[in-house]
Amino acid sequence: WVPGRELSAILAALEEIHGAYNFDGSDSMVDYSH
């Protein structure tokens, strides 16, 4: 079971809002999480 078109659109909209105030300055090559 996977999210269909309607549910995927809702989840994508919420993910866009969730990520709007985040930043990712991480560097996995040197094991640095920021």
PDB file of all heavy atoms in Angstrom:
ATOM      1  N   TRP A   1       0.848  -1.198   0.000  1.00  0.00           N
ATOM      2  CA  TRP A   1       0.000   0.000   0.000  1.00  0.00           C
ATOM      3  C   TRP A   1       0.875   1.236   0.000  1.00  0.00           C
ATOM      4  O   TRP A   1       1.809   1.352   0.789  1.00  0.00           O
ATOM      5  CB  TRP A   1      -0.899   0.001   1.227  1.00  0.00           C
ATOM      6  CG  TRP A   1      -1.941  -1.065   1.183  1.00  0.00           C
ATOM      7  CD1 TRP A   1      -1.876  -2.301   1.753  1.00  0.00           C
ATOM      8  CD2 TRP A   1      -3.190  -0.998   0.515  1.00  0.00           C
ATOM      9  NE1 TRP A   1      -3.015  -3.006   1.482  1.00  0.00           N
ATOM     10  CE2 TRP A   1      -3.850  -2.232   0.718  1.00  0.00           C
ATOM     11  CE3 TRP A   1      -3.831  -0.028  -0.248  1.00  0.00           C
ATOM     12  CZ2 TRP A   1      -5.101  -2.506   0.205  1.00  0.00           C
ATOM     13  CZ3 TRP A   1      -5.085  -0.310  -0.759  1.00  0.00           C
ATOM     14  CH2 TRP A   1      -5.708  -1.533  -0.531  1.00  0.00           C
ATOM     15  N   VAL A   2       0.569   2.186  -0.881  1.00  0.00           N
ATOM     16  CA  VAL A   2       1.302   3.446  -0.964  1.00  0.00           C
ATOM     17  C   VAL A   2       0.283   4.584  -1.040  1.00  0.00           C
ATOM     18  O   VAL A   2      -0.852   4.388  -1.474  1.00  0.00           O
ATOM     19  CB  VAL A   2       2.239   3.492  -2.193  1.00  0.00           C
ATOM     20  CG1 VAL A   2       3.333   2.449  -2.082  1.00  0.00           C
ATOM     21  CG2 VAL A   2       1.461   3.317  -3.473  1.00  0.00           C
ATOM     22  N   PRO A   3       0.676   5.783  -0.621  1.00  0.00           N
ATOM     23  CA  PRO A   3      -0.247   6.918  -0.740  1.00  0.00           C
ATOM     24  C   PRO A   3      -0.610   7.181  -2.193  1.00  0.00           C
ATOM     25  O   PRO A   3       0.253   7.183  -3.070  1.00  0.00           O
ATOM     26  CB  PRO A   3       0.543   8.095  -0.153  1.00  0.00           C
ATOM     27  CG  PRO A   3       1.544   7.460   0.746  1.00  0.00           C
ATOM     28  CD  PRO A   3       1.893   6.153   0.102  1.00  0.00           C
ATOM     29  N   GLY A   4      -1.888   7.399  -2.431  1.00  0.00           N
ATOM     30  CA  GLY A   4      -2.373   7.715  -3.774  1.00  0.00           C
ATOM     31  C   GLY A   4      -2.174   9.183  -4.100  1.00  0.00           C
ATOM     32  O   GLY A   4      -1.533   9.934  -3.367  1.00  0.00           O
ATOM     33  N   ARG A   5      -2.762   9.610  -5.204  1.00  0.00           N
ATOM     34  CA  ARG A   5      -2.570  10.970  -5.699  1.00  0.00           C
ATOM     35  C   ARG A   5      -3.043  12.030  -4.702  1.00  0.00           C
ATOM     36  O   ARG A   5      -2.339  12.995  -4.428  1.00  0.00           O
ATOM     37  CB  ARG A   5      -3.298  11.117  -7.019  1.00  0.00           C
ATOM     38  CG  ARG A   5      -2.991  12.376  -7.769  1.00  0.00           C
ATOM     39  CD  ARG A   5      -3.770  12.395  -9.042  1.00  0.00           C
ATOM     40  NE  ARG A   5      -5.144  12.013  -8.708  1.00  0.00           N
ATOM     41  CZ  ARG A   5      -6.227  12.540  -9.229  1.00  0.00           C
ATOM     42  NH1 ARG A   5      -6.120  13.430 -10.161  1.00  0.00           N
ATOM     43  NH2 ARG A   5      -7.424  12.160  -8.868  1.00  0.00           N
ATOM     44  N   GLU A   6      -4.262  11.876  -4.141  1.00  0.00           N
ATOM     45  CA  GLU A   6      -4.796  12.897  -3.236  1.00  0.00           C
ATOM     46  C   GLU A   6      -3.982  12.984  -1.949  1.00  0.00           C
ATOM     47  O   GLU A   6      -3.625  14.069  -1.494  1.00  0.00           O
ATOM     48  CB  GLU A   6      -6.263  12.605  -2.872  1.00  0.00           C
ATOM     49  CG  GLU A   6      -7.185  12.519  -4.057  1.00  0.00           C
ATOM     50  CD  GLU A   6      -7.340  11.095  -4.562  1.00  0.00           C
ATOM     51  OE1 GLU A   6      -6.674  10.180  -4.032  1.00  0.00           O
ATOM     52  OE2 GLU A   6      -8.124  10.895  -5.497  1.00  0.00           O
ATOM     53  N   LEU A   7      -3.701  11.835  -1.349  1.00  0.00           N
ATOM     54  CA  LEU A   7      -2.950  11.812  -0.099  1.00  0.00           C
ATOM     55  C   LEU A   7      -1.506  12.262  -0.322  1.00  0.00           C
ATOM     56  O   LEU A   7      -0.943  12.977   0.503  1.00  0.00           O
ATOM     57  CB  LEU A   7      -2.996  10.418   0.520  1.00  0.00           C
ATOM     58  CG  LEU A   7      -2.382  10.260   1.904  1.00  0.00           C
ATOM     59  CD1 LEU A   7      -2.998  11.239   2.891  1.00  0.00           C
ATOM     60  CD2 LEU A   7      -2.553   8.832   2.401  1.00  0.00           C
ATOM     61  N   SER A   8      -0.914  11.896  -1.441  1.00  0.00           N
ATOM     62  CA  SER A   8       0.448  12.333  -1.753  1.00  0.00           C
ATOM     63  C   SER A   8       0.529  13.844  -1.887  1.00  0.00           C
ATOM     64  O   SER A   8       1.507  14.461  -1.450  1.00  0.00           O
ATOM     65  CB  SER A   8       0.943  11.682  -3.044  1.00  0.00           C
ATOM     66  OG  SER A   8       1.150  10.308  -2.851  1.00  0.00           O
ATOM     67  N   ALA A   9      -0.493  14.460  -2.479  1.00  0.00           N
ATOM     68  CA  ALA A   9      -0.506  15.918  -2.620  1.00  0.00           C
ATOM     69  C   ALA A   9      -0.574  16.592  -1.254  1.00  0.00           C
ATOM     70  O   ALA A   9       0.107  17.596  -1.012  1.00  0.00           O
ATOM     71  CB  ALA A   9      -1.681  16.357  -3.488  1.00  0.00           C
ATOM     72  N   ILE A  10      -1.387  16.048  -0.347  1.00  0.00           N
ATOM     73  CA  ILE A  10      -1.491  16.601   1.006  1.00  0.00           C
ATOM     74  C   ILE A  10      -0.164  16.456   1.741  1.00  0.00           C
ATOM     75  O   ILE A  10       0.330  17.406   2.356  1.00  0.00           O
ATOM     76  CB  ILE A  10      -2.638  15.913   1.779  1.00  0.00           C
ATOM     77  CG1 ILE A  10      -3.983  16.271   1.143  1.00  0.00           C
ATOM     78  CG2 ILE A  10      -2.611  16.290   3.253  1.00  0.00           C
ATOM     79  CD1 ILE A  10      -5.141  15.438   1.646  1.00  0.00           C
ATOM     80  N   LEU A  11       0.432  15.272   1.686  1.00  0.00           N
ATOM     81  CA  LEU A  11       1.709  15.043   2.365  1.00  0.00           C
ATOM     82  C   LEU A  11       2.813  15.915   1.779  1.00  0.00           C
ATOM     83  O   LEU A  11       3.644  16.459   2.518  1.00  0.00           O
ATOM     84  CB  LEU A  11       2.092  13.563   2.289  1.00  0.00           C
ATOM     85  CG  LEU A  11       1.170  12.594   3.034  1.00  0.00           C
ATOM     86  CD1 LEU A  11       1.595  11.158   2.771  1.00  0.00           C
ATOM     87  CD2 LEU A  11       1.144  12.892   4.514  1.00  0.00           C
ATOM     88  N   ALA A  12       2.844  16.075   0.465  1.00  0.00           N
ATOM     89  CA  ALA A  12       3.866  16.918  -0.169  1.00  0.00           C
ATOM     90  C   ALA A  12       3.706  18.377   0.249  1.00  0.00           C
ATOM     91  O   ALA A  12       4.704  19.071   0.482  1.00  0.00           O
ATOM     92  CB  ALA A  12       3.784  16.788  -1.686  1.00  0.00           C
ATOM     93  N   ALA A  13       2.471  18.849   0.359  1.00  0.00           N
ATOM     94  CA  ALA A  13       2.236  20.231   0.793  1.00  0.00           C
ATOM     95  C   ALA A  13       2.714  20.433   2.224  1.00  0.00           C
ATOM     96  O   ALA A  13       3.351  21.443   2.545  1.00  0.00           O
ATOM     97  CB  ALA A  13       0.756  20.570   0.668  1.00  0.00           C
ATOM     98  N   LEU A  14       2.425  19.476   3.093  1.00  0.00           N
ATOM     99  CA  LEU A  14       2.862  19.576   4.488  1.00  0.00           C
ATOM    100  C   LEU A  14       4.385  19.476   4.589  1.00  0.00           C
ATOM    101  O   LEU A  14       5.002  20.165   5.403  1.00  0.00           O
ATOM    102  CB  LEU A  14       2.190  18.503   5.336  1.00  0.00           C
ATOM    103  CG  LEU A  14       0.684  18.689   5.533  1.00  0.00           C
ATOM    104  CD1 LEU A  14       0.077  17.463   6.210  1.00  0.00           C
ATOM    105  CD2 LEU A  14       0.387  19.946   6.320  1.00  0.00           C
ATOM    106  N   GLU A  15       5.009  18.633   3.759  1.00  0.00           N
ATOM    107  CA  GLU A  15       6.470  18.530   3.756  1.00  0.00           C
ATOM    108  C   GLU A  15       7.116  19.826   3.278  1.00  0.00           C
ATOM    109  O   GLU A  15       8.171  20.226   3.783  1.00  0.00           O
ATOM    110  CB  GLU A  15       6.921  17.361   2.879  1.00  0.00           C
ATOM    111  CG  GLU A  15       6.676  16.016   3.518  1.00  0.00           C
ATOM    112  CD  GLU A  15       6.915  14.846   2.578  1.00  0.00           C
ATOM    113  OE1 GLU A  15       7.185  15.076   1.372  1.00  0.00           O
ATOM    114  OE2 GLU A  15       6.820  13.709   3.049  1.00  0.00           O
ATOM    115  N   GLU A  16       6.483  20.495   2.331  1.00  0.00           N
ATOM    116  CA  GLU A  16       7.013  21.767   1.849  1.00  0.00           C
ATOM    117  C   GLU A  16       6.981  22.815   2.961  1.00  0.00           C
ATOM    118  O   GLU A  16       7.950  23.552   3.160  1.00  0.00           O
ATOM    119  CB  GLU A  16       6.203  22.253   0.648  1.00  0.00           C
ATOM    120  CG  GLU A  16       6.724  23.526   0.051  1.00  0.00           C
ATOM    121  CD  GLU A  16       5.936  23.972  -1.167  1.00  0.00           C
ATOM    122  OE1 GLU A  16       5.187  23.160  -1.740  1.00  0.00           O
ATOM    123  OE2 GLU A  16       6.076  25.145  -1.535  1.00  0.00           O
ATOM    124  N   ILE A  17       5.884  22.870   3.699  1.00  0.00           N
ATOM    125  CA  ILE A  17       5.786  23.806   4.820  1.00  0.00           C
ATOM    126  C   ILE A  17       6.773  23.410   5.918  1.00  0.00           C
ATOM    127  O   ILE A  17       7.452  24.259   6.497  1.00  0.00           O
ATOM    128  CB  ILE A  17       4.342  23.847   5.357  1.00  0.00           C
ATOM    129  CG1 ILE A  17       3.415  24.432   4.300  1.00  0.00           C
ATOM    130  CG2 ILE A  17       4.263  24.646   6.649  1.00  0.00           C
ATOM    131  CD1 ILE A  17       1.944  24.257   4.596  1.00  0.00           C
ATOM    132  N   HIS A  18       6.871  22.119   6.202  1.00  0.00           N
ATOM    133  CA  HIS A  18       7.782  21.617   7.236  1.00  0.00           C
ATOM    134  C   HIS A  18       9.232  21.986   6.932  1.00  0.00           C
ATOM    135  O   HIS A  18       9.990  22.384   7.811  1.00  0.00           O
ATOM    136  CB  HIS A  18       7.628  20.098   7.350  1.00  0.00           C
ATOM    137  CG  HIS A  18       8.496  19.464   8.381  1.00  0.00           C
ATOM    138  ND1 HIS A  18       9.746  18.985   8.087  1.00  0.00           N
ATOM    139  CD2 HIS A  18       8.281  19.223   9.698  1.00  0.00           C
ATOM    140  CE1 HIS A  18      10.279  18.480   9.185  1.00  0.00           C
ATOM    141  NE2 HIS A  18       9.412  18.615  10.174  1.00  0.00           N
ATOM    142  N   GLY A  19       9.621  21.879   5.693  1.00  0.00           N
ATOM    143  CA  GLY A  19      10.998  22.143   5.315  1.00  0.00           C
ATOM    144  C   GLY A  19      11.312  23.603   5.021  1.00  0.00           C
ATOM    145  O   GLY A  19      12.475  23.964   4.829  1.00  0.00           O
ATOM    146  N   ALA A  20      10.294  24.457   5.014  1.00  0.00           N
ATOM    147  CA  ALA A  20      10.513  25.858   4.646  1.00  0.00           C
ATOM    148  C   ALA A  20      11.415  26.596   5.628  1.00  0.00           C
ATOM    149  O   ALA A  20      12.096  27.540   5.245  1.00  0.00           O
ATOM    150  CB  ALA A  20       9.174  26.581   4.530  1.00  0.00           C
ATOM    151  N   TYR A  21      11.418  26.199   6.875  1.00  0.00           N
ATOM    152  CA  TYR A  21      12.199  26.897   7.894  1.00  0.00           C
ATOM    153  C   TYR A  21      13.438  26.118   8.310  1.00  0.00           C
ATOM    154  O   TYR A  21      14.107  26.486   9.258  1.00  0.00           O
ATOM    155  CB  TYR A  21      11.327  27.193   9.119  1.00  0.00           C
ATOM    156  CG  TYR A  21      10.141  28.041   8.756  1.00  0.00           C
ATOM    157  CD1 TYR A  21       8.908  27.466   8.507  1.00  0.00           C
ATOM    158  CD2 TYR A  21      10.290  29.412   8.622  1.00  0.00           C
ATOM    159  CE1 TYR A  21       7.827  28.254   8.145  1.00  0.00           C
ATOM    160  CE2 TYR A  21       9.219  30.201   8.268  1.00  0.00           C
ATOM    161  CZ  TYR A  21       7.991  29.621   8.029  1.00  0.00           C
ATOM    162  OH  TYR A  21       6.930  30.392   7.666  1.00  0.00           O
ATOM    163  N   ASN A  22      13.734  25.055   7.617  1.00  0.00           N
ATOM    164  CA  ASN A  22      14.867  24.215   7.959  1.00  0.00           C
ATOM    165  C   ASN A  22      16.032  24.503   7.009  1.00  0.00           C
ATOM    166  O   ASN A  22      15.840  25.040   5.925  1.00  0.00           O
ATOM    167  CB  ASN A  22      14.477  22.739   7.874  1.00  0.00           C
ATOM    168  CG  ASN A  22      15.341  21.858   8.736  1.00  0.00           C
ATOM    169  OD1 ASN A  22      16.303  22.313   9.329  1.00  0.00           O
ATOM    170  ND2 ASN A  22      15.006  20.595   8.795  1.00  0.00           N
ATOM    171  N   PHE A  23      17.201  24.152   7.417  1.00  0.00           N
ATOM    172  CA  PHE A  23      18.356  24.185   6.539  1.00  0.00           C
ATOM    173  C   PHE A  23      19.183  22.941   6.830  1.00  0.00           C
ATOM    174  O   PHE A  23      19.060  22.324   7.879  1.00  0.00           O
ATOM    175  CB  PHE A  23      19.198  25.454   6.743  1.00  0.00           C
ATOM    176  CG  PHE A  23      19.849  25.544   8.095  1.00  0.00           C
ATOM    177  CD1 PHE A  23      21.072  24.962   8.345  1.00  0.00           C
ATOM    178  CD2 PHE A  23      19.224  26.215   9.123  1.00  0.00           C
ATOM    179  CE1 PHE A  23      21.666  25.045   9.592  1.00  0.00           C
ATOM    180  CE2 PHE A  23      19.802  26.314  10.379  1.00  0.00           C
ATOM    181  CZ  PHE A  23      21.029  25.718  10.608  1.00  0.00           C
ATOM    182  N   ASP A  24      19.995  22.555   5.891  1.00  0.00           N
ATOM    183  CA  ASP A  24      20.830  21.376   6.067  1.00  0.00           C
ATOM    184  C   ASP A  24      22.243  21.715   5.615  1.00  0.00           C
ATOM    185  O   ASP A  24      22.549  21.718   4.433  1.00  0.00           O
ATOM    186  CB  ASP A  24      20.284  20.197   5.270  1.00  0.00           C
ATOM    187  CG  ASP A  24      20.983  18.892   5.593  1.00  0.00           C
ATOM    188  OD1 ASP A  24      21.946  18.913   6.388  1.00  0.00           O
ATOM    189  OD2 ASP A  24      20.561  17.850   5.060  1.00  0.00           O
ATOM    190  N   GLY A  25      23.085  22.004   6.589  1.00  0.00           N
ATOM    191  CA  GLY A  25      24.484  22.286   6.305  1.00  0.00           C
ATOM    192  C   GLY A  25      25.355  21.084   6.623  1.00  0.00           C
ATOM    193  O   GLY A  25      26.543  21.239   6.899  1.00  0.00           O
ATOM    194  N   SER A  26      24.762  19.895   6.596  1.00  0.00           N
ATOM    195  CA  SER A  26      25.489  18.675   6.944  1.00  0.00           C
ATOM    196  C   SER A  26      26.471  18.281   5.849  1.00  0.00           C
ATOM    197  O   SER A  26      26.284  18.598   4.681  1.00  0.00           O
ATOM    198  CB  SER A  26      24.507  17.532   7.168  1.00  0.00           C
ATOM    199  OG  SER A  26      23.596  17.852   8.186  1.00  0.00           O
ATOM    200  N   ASP A  27      27.496  17.560   6.251  1.00  0.00           N
ATOM    201  CA  ASP A  27      28.478  17.030   5.314  1.00  0.00           C
ATOM    202  C   ASP A  27      28.755  15.585   5.712  1.00  0.00           C
ATOM    203  O   ASP A  27      29.463  15.321   6.684  1.00  0.00           O
ATOM    204  CB  ASP A  27      29.756  17.861   5.354  1.00  0.00           C
ATOM    205  CG  ASP A  27      30.773  17.424   4.307  1.00  0.00           C
ATOM    206  OD1 ASP A  27      30.479  16.469   3.550  1.00  0.00           O
ATOM    207  OD2 ASP A  27      31.835  18.057   4.238  1.00  0.00           O
ATOM    208  N   SER A  28      28.173  14.655   4.978  1.00  0.00           N
ATOM    209  CA  SER A  28      28.317  13.240   5.337  1.00  0.00           C
ATOM    210  C   SER A  28      29.739  12.720   5.093  1.00  0.00           C
ATOM    211  O   SER A  28      30.131  11.707   5.666  1.00  0.00           O
ATOM    212  CB  SER A  28      27.315  12.392   4.559  1.00  0.00           C
ATOM    213  OG  SER A  28      27.538  12.530   3.173  1.00  0.00           O
ATOM    214  N   MET A  29      30.521  13.411   4.291  1.00  0.00           N
ATOM    215  CA  MET A  29      31.892  12.975   4.022  1.00  0.00           C
ATOM    216  C   MET A  29      32.782  13.092   5.261  1.00  0.00           C
ATOM    217  O   MET A  29      33.736  12.345   5.413  1.00  0.00           O
ATOM    218  CB  MET A  29      32.495  13.793   2.876  1.00  0.00           C
ATOM    219  CG  MET A  29      31.798  13.563   1.543  1.00  0.00           C
ATOM    220  SD  MET A  29      31.936  11.876   0.954  1.00  0.00           S
ATOM    221  CE  MET A  29      33.644  11.835   0.530  1.00  0.00           C
ATOM    222  N   VAL A  30      32.461  14.044   6.134  1.00  0.00           N
ATOM    223  CA  VAL A  30      33.273  14.235   7.341  1.00  0.00           C
ATOM    224  C   VAL A  30      32.437  13.985   8.607  1.00  0.00           C
ATOM    225  O   VAL A  30      32.837  14.373   9.688  1.00  0.00           O
ATOM    226  CB  VAL A  30      33.900  15.651   7.382  1.00  0.00           C
ATOM    227  CG1 VAL A  30      34.918  15.794   6.276  1.00  0.00           C
ATOM    228  CG2 VAL A  30      32.846  16.727   7.310  1.00  0.00           C
ATOM    229  N   ASP A  31      31.279  13.355   8.456  1.00  0.00           N
ATOM    230  CA  ASP A  31      30.414  13.007   9.584  1.00  0.00           C
ATOM    231  C   ASP A  31      30.036  14.242  10.397  1.00  0.00           C
ATOM    232  O   ASP A  31      30.145  14.273  11.618  1.00  0.00           O
ATOM    233  CB  ASP A  31      31.099  11.956  10.470  1.00  0.00           C
ATOM    234  CG  ASP A  31      30.109  11.276  11.402  1.00  0.00           C
ATOM    235  OD1 ASP A  31      28.906  11.278  11.078  1.00  0.00           O
ATOM    236  OD2 ASP A  31      30.527  10.755  12.436  1.00  0.00           O
ATOM    237  N   TYR A  32      29.584  15.282   9.690  1.00  0.00           N
ATOM    238  CA  TYR A  32      29.190  16.539  10.322  1.00  0.00           C
ATOM    239  C   TYR A  32      27.705  16.758  10.070  1.00  0.00           C
ATOM    240  O   TYR A  32      27.264  16.805   8.925  1.00  0.00           O
ATOM    241  CB  TYR A  32      30.010  17.692   9.743  1.00  0.00           C
ATOM    242  CG  TYR A  32      29.591  19.059  10.243  1.00  0.00           C
ATOM    243  CD1 TYR A  32      29.835  19.435  11.554  1.00  0.00           C
ATOM    244  CD2 TYR A  32      28.964  19.962   9.399  1.00  0.00           C
ATOM    245  CE1 TYR A  32      29.466  20.688  12.013  1.00  0.00           C
ATOM    246  CE2 TYR A  32      28.599  21.213   9.840  1.00  0.00           C
ATOM    247  CZ  TYR A  32      28.839  21.569  11.155  1.00  0.00           C
ATOM    248  OH  TYR A  32      28.465  22.808  11.604  1.00  0.00           O
ATOM    249  N   SER A  33      26.937  16.864  11.141  1.00  0.00           N
ATOM    250  CA  SER A  33      25.499  17.082  11.033  1.00  0.00           C
ATOM    251  C   SER A  33      25.160  18.468  11.540  1.00  0.00           C
ATOM    252  O   SER A  33      25.463  18.816  12.682  1.00  0.00           O
ATOM    253  CB  SER A  33      24.752  16.020  11.845  1.00  0.00           C
ATOM    254  OG  SER A  33      23.368  16.247  11.771  1.00  0.00           O
ATOM    255  N   HIS A  34      24.538  19.274  10.686  1.00  0.00           N
ATOM    256  CA  HIS A  34      24.173  20.636  11.061  1.00  0.00           C
ATOM    257  C   HIS A  34      22.835  20.975  10.404  1.00  0.00           C
ATOM    258  O   HIS A  34      22.774  21.336   9.233  1.00  0.00           O
ATOM    259  CB  HIS A  34      25.262  21.606  10.614  1.00  0.00           C
ATOM    260  CG  HIS A  34      24.987  23.026  11.013  1.00  0.00           C
ATOM    261  ND1 HIS A  34      25.043  23.451  12.307  1.00  0.00           N
ATOM    262  CD2 HIS A  34      24.647  24.101  10.275  1.00  0.00           C
ATOM    263  CE1 HIS A  34      24.745  24.731  12.362  1.00  0.00           C
ATOM    264  NE2 HIS A  34      24.505  25.152  11.131  1.00  0.00           N
TER     265      HIS A  34
END
